[in-house]
Amino acid sequence: MKLLHQIASTTLRRLQSLTLYRRLGRRVVSGVTLREATDADRLAVQRWLNPNGNPEQGVLHDPKVTHWVAEYHGQLAGFVELVRHPPEHFPYTGYWLSSLYTKHRWHGLGIGAALSQTVIERARMEGAPVLDLVVYEDNVRAIRLYYKLGFEMHTLPELEPKSEGERASTGRRRVVMRKRLDDHP
């Protein structure tokens, strides 16, 4: 059974990289709804992302965080957050796009871009001059998406020791990307 799952996953990933798949899929996915997440949505996301964890953790309300979900015919397809970090969270200060996830079967269909654009527009509407995010440097798909949305690599010197420590302990390193919001839409 595990072998069948691996074959299906590999096949789906290959299909998702095809232009034809993305074009046809975007027509199908035109029925995706993006909306601010309810407590029930956040609980469902918590169960999806951390099935063995405490699901109640996903519904804690924080006025500095706005959550959105993408839904297709009643099914959760994706999730993203806009986090507004106060100065005492230094070096994480200001507006951050966080926790962008799209379920595997929905990759390549524009859901991640739509969720990200929702965060960008809200941050811009609230007057944020920039929007930051962190992403693993080996997550090529996500980085490609963020470049398309106007993000650029950015260095926050205060985060470099933490990033290098992460690489030493896990073998993976996160990088910061930034989008200027006060330039143009």
C-alpha atoms as a PDB file:
ATOM      1  CA  MET A   1       0.000   0.000   0.000  1.00  0.00           C
ATOM      2  CA  LYS A   2       2.847   2.376   0.837  1.00  0.00           C
ATOM      3  CA  LEU A   3       4.420   1.727  -2.581  1.00  0.00           C
ATOM      4  CA  LEU A   4       1.125   2.584  -4.327  1.00  0.00           C
ATOM      5  CA  HIS A   5       0.920   5.831  -2.365  1.00  0.00           C
ATOM      6  CA  GLN A   6       4.487   6.744  -3.362  1.00  0.00           C
ATOM      7  CA  ILE A   7       3.780   6.011  -7.030  1.00  0.00           C
ATOM      8  CA  ALA A   8       0.579   8.082  -6.936  1.00  0.00           C
ATOM      9  CA  SER A   9       2.371  10.972  -5.213  1.00  0.00           C
ATOM     10  CA  THR A  10       5.225  10.943  -7.714  1.00  0.00           C
ATOM     11  CA  THR A  11       2.805  10.815 -10.641  1.00  0.00           C
ATOM     12  CA  LEU A  12       0.777  13.718  -9.256  1.00  0.00           C
ATOM     13  CA  ARG A  13       3.904  15.845  -8.700  1.00  0.00           C
ATOM     14  CA  ARG A  14       4.984  15.224 -12.298  1.00  0.00           C
ATOM     15  CA  LEU A  15       1.532  16.134 -13.621  1.00  0.00           C
ATOM     16  CA  GLN A  16       1.492  19.290 -11.501  1.00  0.00           C
ATOM     17  CA  SER A  17       4.671  20.499 -13.191  1.00  0.00           C
ATOM     18  CA  LEU A  18       3.017  20.393 -16.644  1.00  0.00           C
ATOM     19  CA  THR A  19       1.665  23.630 -18.106  1.00  0.00           C
ATOM     20  CA  LEU A  20      -1.404  21.852 -19.482  1.00  0.00           C
ATOM     21  CA  TYR A  21      -2.264  20.488 -16.019  1.00  0.00           C
ATOM     22  CA  ARG A  22      -2.020  23.971 -14.499  1.00  0.00           C
ATOM     23  CA  ARG A  23      -4.119  25.577 -17.257  1.00  0.00           C
ATOM     24  CA  LEU A  24      -6.872  22.977 -17.061  1.00  0.00           C
ATOM     25  CA  GLY A  25      -6.704  22.874 -13.290  1.00  0.00           C
ATOM     26  CA  ARG A  26      -7.099  26.636 -12.916  1.00  0.00           C
ATOM     27  CA  ARG A  27     -10.384  26.409 -14.814  1.00  0.00           C
ATOM     28  CA  VAL A  28     -11.605  23.747 -12.404  1.00  0.00           C
ATOM     29  CA  VAL A  29     -10.276  25.633  -9.406  1.00  0.00           C
ATOM     30  CA  SER A  30     -12.083  28.812 -10.383  1.00  0.00           C
ATOM     31  CA  GLY A  31     -14.643  27.599  -7.849  1.00  0.00           C
ATOM     32  CA  VAL A  32     -12.220  28.057  -4.951  1.00  0.00           C
ATOM     33  CA  THR A  33     -13.422  30.345  -2.174  1.00  0.00           C
ATOM     34  CA  LEU A  34     -10.959  32.404  -0.134  1.00  0.00           C
ATOM     35  CA  ARG A  35     -12.216  33.695   3.192  1.00  0.00           C
ATOM     36  CA  GLU A  36     -11.095  34.603   6.664  1.00  0.00           C
ATOM     37  CA  ALA A  37     -10.882  31.474   8.753  1.00  0.00           C
ATOM     38  CA  THR A  38     -13.411  30.691  11.444  1.00  0.00           C
ATOM     39  CA  ASP A  39     -12.515  28.885  14.675  1.00  0.00           C
ATOM     40  CA  ALA A  40     -13.733  25.658  13.049  1.00  0.00           C
ATOM     41  CA  ASP A  41     -11.460  26.291  10.050  1.00  0.00           C
ATOM     42  CA  ARG A  42      -8.450  26.896  12.277  1.00  0.00           C
ATOM     43  CA  LEU A  43      -9.219  23.691  14.172  1.00  0.00           C
ATOM     44  CA  ALA A  44      -9.405  21.781  10.859  1.00  0.00           C
ATOM     45  CA  VAL A  45      -6.083  23.317   9.763  1.00  0.00           C
ATOM     46  CA  GLN A  46      -4.472  22.362  13.080  1.00  0.00           C
ATOM     47  CA  ARG A  47      -5.645  18.765  12.641  1.00  0.00           C
ATOM     48  CA  TRP A  48      -4.371  18.731   9.051  1.00  0.00           C
ATOM     49  CA  LEU A  49      -0.922  20.149   9.835  1.00  0.00           C
ATOM     50  CA  ASN A  50      -0.403  18.506  13.217  1.00  0.00           C
ATOM     51  CA  PRO A  51      -2.584  15.384  13.419  1.00  0.00           C
ATOM     52  CA  ASN A  52      -0.916  14.140  16.614  1.00  0.00           C
ATOM     53  CA  GLY A  53      -0.847  17.495  18.403  1.00  0.00           C
ATOM     54  CA  ASN A  54      -3.282  19.377  20.581  1.00  0.00           C
ATOM     55  CA  PRO A  55      -6.043  20.550  18.204  1.00  0.00           C
ATOM     56  CA  GLU A  56      -7.218  23.259  20.608  1.00  0.00           C
ATOM     57  CA  GLN A  57      -3.931  25.075  20.014  1.00  0.00           C
ATOM     58  CA  GLY A  58      -5.150  25.917  16.512  1.00  0.00           C
ATOM     59  CA  VAL A  59      -8.105  27.966  17.704  1.00  0.00           C
ATOM     60  CA  LEU A  60      -6.358  30.331  20.116  1.00  0.00           C
ATOM     61  CA  HIS A  61      -7.323  33.858  19.140  1.00  0.00           C
ATOM     62  CA  ASP A  62      -4.567  36.409  18.612  1.00  0.00           C
ATOM     63  CA  PRO A  63      -5.624  39.856  17.391  1.00  0.00           C
ATOM     64  CA  LYS A  64      -2.224  40.265  15.706  1.00  0.00           C
ATOM     65  CA  VAL A  65      -2.904  37.324  13.367  1.00  0.00           C
ATOM     66  CA  THR A  66      -5.434  37.051  10.560  1.00  0.00           C
ATOM     67  CA  HIS A  67      -6.004  33.601   9.036  1.00  0.00           C
ATOM     68  CA  TRP A  68      -7.456  32.757   5.625  1.00  0.00           C
ATOM     69  CA  VAL A  69      -8.503  29.457   4.119  1.00  0.00           C
ATOM     70  CA  ALA A  70      -9.064  28.320   0.554  1.00  0.00           C
ATOM     71  CA  GLU A  71     -12.013  25.999   0.181  1.00  0.00           C
ATOM     72  CA  TYR A  72     -13.183  23.968  -2.791  1.00  0.00           C
ATOM     73  CA  HIS A  73     -16.638  22.369  -2.615  1.00  0.00           C
ATOM     74  CA  GLY A  74     -16.520  22.359   1.164  1.00  0.00           C
ATOM     75  CA  GLN A  75     -13.015  20.871   1.334  1.00  0.00           C
ATOM     76  CA  LEU A  76     -10.066  22.684   2.867  1.00  0.00           C
ATOM     77  CA  ALA A  77      -7.537  23.300   0.075  1.00  0.00           C
ATOM     78  CA  GLY A  78      -5.113  25.809   1.627  1.00  0.00           C
ATOM     79  CA  PHE A  79      -4.275  28.153   4.472  1.00  0.00           C
ATOM     80  CA  VAL A  80      -2.233  31.313   5.138  1.00  0.00           C
ATOM     81  CA  GLU A  81      -1.674  33.851   7.917  1.00  0.00           C
ATOM     82  CA  LEU A  82      -0.841  37.542   8.153  1.00  0.00           C
ATOM     83  CA  VAL A  83       1.110  38.124  11.364  1.00  0.00           C
ATOM     84  CA  ARG A  84       1.670  41.629  12.722  1.00  0.00           C
ATOM     85  CA  HIS A  85       4.709  41.431  15.009  1.00  0.00           C
ATOM     86  CA  PRO A  86       5.135  44.260  17.541  1.00  0.00           C
ATOM     87  CA  PRO A  87       8.588  45.786  18.257  1.00  0.00           C
ATOM     88  CA  GLU A  88       9.115  43.498  21.267  1.00  0.00           C
ATOM     89  CA  HIS A  89       9.196  40.490  18.886  1.00  0.00           C
ATOM     90  CA  PHE A  90      12.483  41.779  17.415  1.00  0.00           C
ATOM     91  CA  PRO A  91      13.941  40.729  15.005  1.00  0.00           C
ATOM     92  CA  TYR A  92      10.527  39.562  13.778  1.00  0.00           C
ATOM     93  CA  THR A  93       8.830  42.947  13.585  1.00  0.00           C
ATOM     94  CA  GLY A  94       6.223  44.338  11.238  1.00  0.00           C
ATOM     95  CA  TYR A  95       4.042  42.408   8.818  1.00  0.00           C
ATOM     96  CA  TRP A  96       4.841  38.796   7.926  1.00  0.00           C
ATOM     97  CA  LEU A  97       3.231  36.354   5.513  1.00  0.00           C
ATOM     98  CA  SER A  98       3.264  33.091   7.420  1.00  0.00           C
ATOM     99  CA  SER A  99       2.183  29.467   7.247  1.00  0.00           C
ATOM    100  CA  LEU A 100       1.264  29.241   3.576  1.00  0.00           C
ATOM    101  CA  TYR A 101       0.122  25.684   2.915  1.00  0.00           C
ATOM    102  CA  THR A 102      -1.744  24.124   0.024  1.00  0.00           C
ATOM    103  CA  LYS A 103      -2.822  20.511   0.103  1.00  0.00           C
ATOM    104  CA  HIS A 104      -0.731  18.417  -2.284  1.00  0.00           C
ATOM    105  CA  ARG A 105      -3.548  17.623  -4.674  1.00  0.00           C
ATOM    106  CA  TRP A 106      -4.084  21.377  -5.206  1.00  0.00           C
ATOM    107  CA  HIS A 107      -0.445  22.315  -5.951  1.00  0.00           C
ATOM    108  CA  GLY A 108       0.197  24.171  -9.184  1.00  0.00           C
ATOM    109  CA  LEU A 109      -3.335  25.523  -9.536  1.00  0.00           C
ATOM    110  CA  GLY A 110      -2.851  29.073  -8.239  1.00  0.00           C
ATOM    111  CA  ILE A 111      -4.292  28.604  -4.755  1.00  0.00           C
ATOM    112  CA  GLY A 112      -1.037  29.524  -2.995  1.00  0.00           C
ATOM    113  CA  ALA A 113      -0.730  32.640  -5.159  1.00  0.00           C
ATOM    114  CA  ALA A 114      -4.328  33.662  -4.425  1.00  0.00           C
ATOM    115  CA  LEU A 115      -3.865  33.172  -0.668  1.00  0.00           C
ATOM    116  CA  SER A 116      -0.579  35.110  -0.736  1.00  0.00           C
ATOM    117  CA  GLN A 117      -2.171  37.927  -2.742  1.00  0.00           C
ATOM    118  CA  THR A 118      -4.895  38.161  -0.097  1.00  0.00           C
ATOM    119  CA  VAL A 119      -2.233  38.701   2.585  1.00  0.00           C
ATOM    120  CA  ILE A 120      -0.391  41.236   0.412  1.00  0.00           C
ATOM    121  CA  GLU A 121      -3.557  43.248  -0.173  1.00  0.00           C
ATOM    122  CA  ARG A 122      -4.540  43.266   3.511  1.00  0.00           C
ATOM    123  CA  ALA A 123      -1.052  44.345   4.609  1.00  0.00           C
ATOM    124  CA  ARG A 124      -1.076  47.082   1.962  1.00  0.00           C
ATOM    125  CA  MET A 125      -4.562  48.181   3.045  1.00  0.00           C
ATOM    126  CA  GLU A 126      -3.338  48.445   6.650  1.00  0.00           C
ATOM    127  CA  GLY A 127      -0.453  50.683   5.536  1.00  0.00           C
ATOM    128  CA  ALA A 128       2.440  48.239   5.908  1.00  0.00           C
ATOM    129  CA  PRO A 129       5.502  49.506   4.018  1.00  0.00           C
ATOM    130  CA  VAL A 130       6.912  45.988   3.585  1.00  0.00           C
ATOM    131  CA  LEU A 131       5.829  42.365   3.950  1.00  0.00           C
ATOM    132  CA  ASP A 132       8.367  39.749   5.013  1.00  0.00           C
ATOM    133  CA  LEU A 133       8.373  35.954   5.058  1.00  0.00           C
ATOM    134  CA  VAL A 134      10.744  33.103   5.772  1.00  0.00           C
ATOM    135  CA  VAL A 135      11.037  30.080   3.522  1.00  0.00           C
ATOM    136  CA  TYR A 136      13.408  27.127   3.388  1.00  0.00           C
ATOM    137  CA  GLU A 137      16.077  27.840   0.799  1.00  0.00           C
ATOM    138  CA  ASP A 138      15.519  24.394  -0.767  1.00  0.00           C
ATOM    139  CA  ASN A 139      11.778  25.021  -1.254  1.00  0.00           C
ATOM    140  CA  VAL A 140      12.180  25.966  -4.906  1.00  0.00           C
ATOM    141  CA  ARG A 141       8.440  25.935  -5.705  1.00  0.00           C
ATOM    142  CA  ALA A 142       7.608  28.384  -2.945  1.00  0.00           C
ATOM    143  CA  ILE A 143      10.528  30.671  -3.757  1.00  0.00           C
ATOM    144  CA  ARG A 144       9.490  30.710  -7.419  1.00  0.00           C
ATOM    145  CA  LEU A 145       5.955  31.678  -6.368  1.00  0.00           C
ATOM    146  CA  TYR A 146       7.195  34.441  -4.079  1.00  0.00           C
ATOM    147  CA  TYR A 147       9.414  35.875  -6.841  1.00  0.00           C
ATOM    148  CA  LYS A 148       6.373  35.955  -9.164  1.00  0.00           C
ATOM    149  CA  LEU A 149       4.493  37.897  -6.479  1.00  0.00           C
ATOM    150  CA  GLY A 150       7.271  40.497  -6.258  1.00  0.00           C
ATOM    151  CA  PHE A 151       9.221  39.292  -3.226  1.00  0.00           C
ATOM    152  CA  GLU A 152      13.010  39.495  -3.238  1.00  0.00           C
ATOM    153  CA  MET A 153      15.679  37.869  -1.111  1.00  0.00           C
ATOM    154  CA  HIS A 154      16.450  39.998   1.923  1.00  0.00           C
ATOM    155  CA  THR A 155      18.924  39.688   4.767  1.00  0.00           C
ATOM    156  CA  LEU A 156      18.044  40.434   8.361  1.00  0.00           C
ATOM    157  CA  PRO A 157      21.458  40.251  10.059  1.00  0.00           C
ATOM    158  CA  GLU A 158      19.834  39.579  13.427  1.00  0.00           C
ATOM    159  CA  LEU A 159      18.325  36.325  12.074  1.00  0.00           C
ATOM    160  CA  GLU A 160      21.511  34.986  10.479  1.00  0.00           C
ATOM    161  CA  PRO A 161      22.833  33.208  13.618  1.00  0.00           C
ATOM    162  CA  LYS A 162      19.453  31.502  14.086  1.00  0.00           C
ATOM    163  CA  SER A 163      19.344  30.464  10.406  1.00  0.00           C
ATOM    164  CA  GLU A 164      22.840  29.032  10.550  1.00  0.00           C
ATOM    165  CA  GLY A 165      22.032  27.209  13.794  1.00  0.00           C
ATOM    166  CA  GLU A 166      19.000  25.723  12.071  1.00  0.00           C
ATOM    167  CA  ARG A 167      21.183  24.515   9.209  1.00  0.00           C
ATOM    168  CA  ALA A 168      23.641  22.956  11.662  1.00  0.00           C
ATOM    169  CA  SER A 169      20.935  21.114  13.586  1.00  0.00           C
ATOM    170  CA  THR A 170      18.491  20.150  10.801  1.00  0.00           C
ATOM    171  CA  GLY A 171      20.462  20.436   7.562  1.00  0.00           C
ATOM    172  CA  ARG A 172      17.976  23.026   6.269  1.00  0.00           C
ATOM    173  CA  ARG A 173      18.158  26.801   6.370  1.00  0.00           C
ATOM    174  CA  ARG A 174      15.436  29.393   6.068  1.00  0.00           C
ATOM    175  CA  VAL A 175      15.895  32.657   4.199  1.00  0.00           C
ATOM    176  CA  VAL A 176      13.996  35.917   4.425  1.00  0.00           C
ATOM    177  CA  MET A 177      12.137  37.372   1.461  1.00  0.00           C
ATOM    178  CA  ARG A 178      10.632  40.862   1.374  1.00  0.00           C
ATOM    179  CA  LYS A 179       8.097  42.699  -0.757  1.00  0.00           C
ATOM    180  CA  ARG A 180       7.888  46.489  -0.709  1.00  0.00           C
ATOM    181  CA  LEU A 181       4.261  47.537  -0.493  1.00  0.00           C
ATOM    182  CA  ASP A 182       4.641  51.303  -0.641  1.00  0.00           C
ATOM    183  CA  ASP A 183       6.123  51.347  -4.171  1.00  0.00           C
ATOM    184  CA  HIS A 184       3.248  50.294  -6.396  1.00  0.00           C
ATOM    185  CA  PRO A 185       0.370  47.789  -6.457  1.00  0.00           C
END
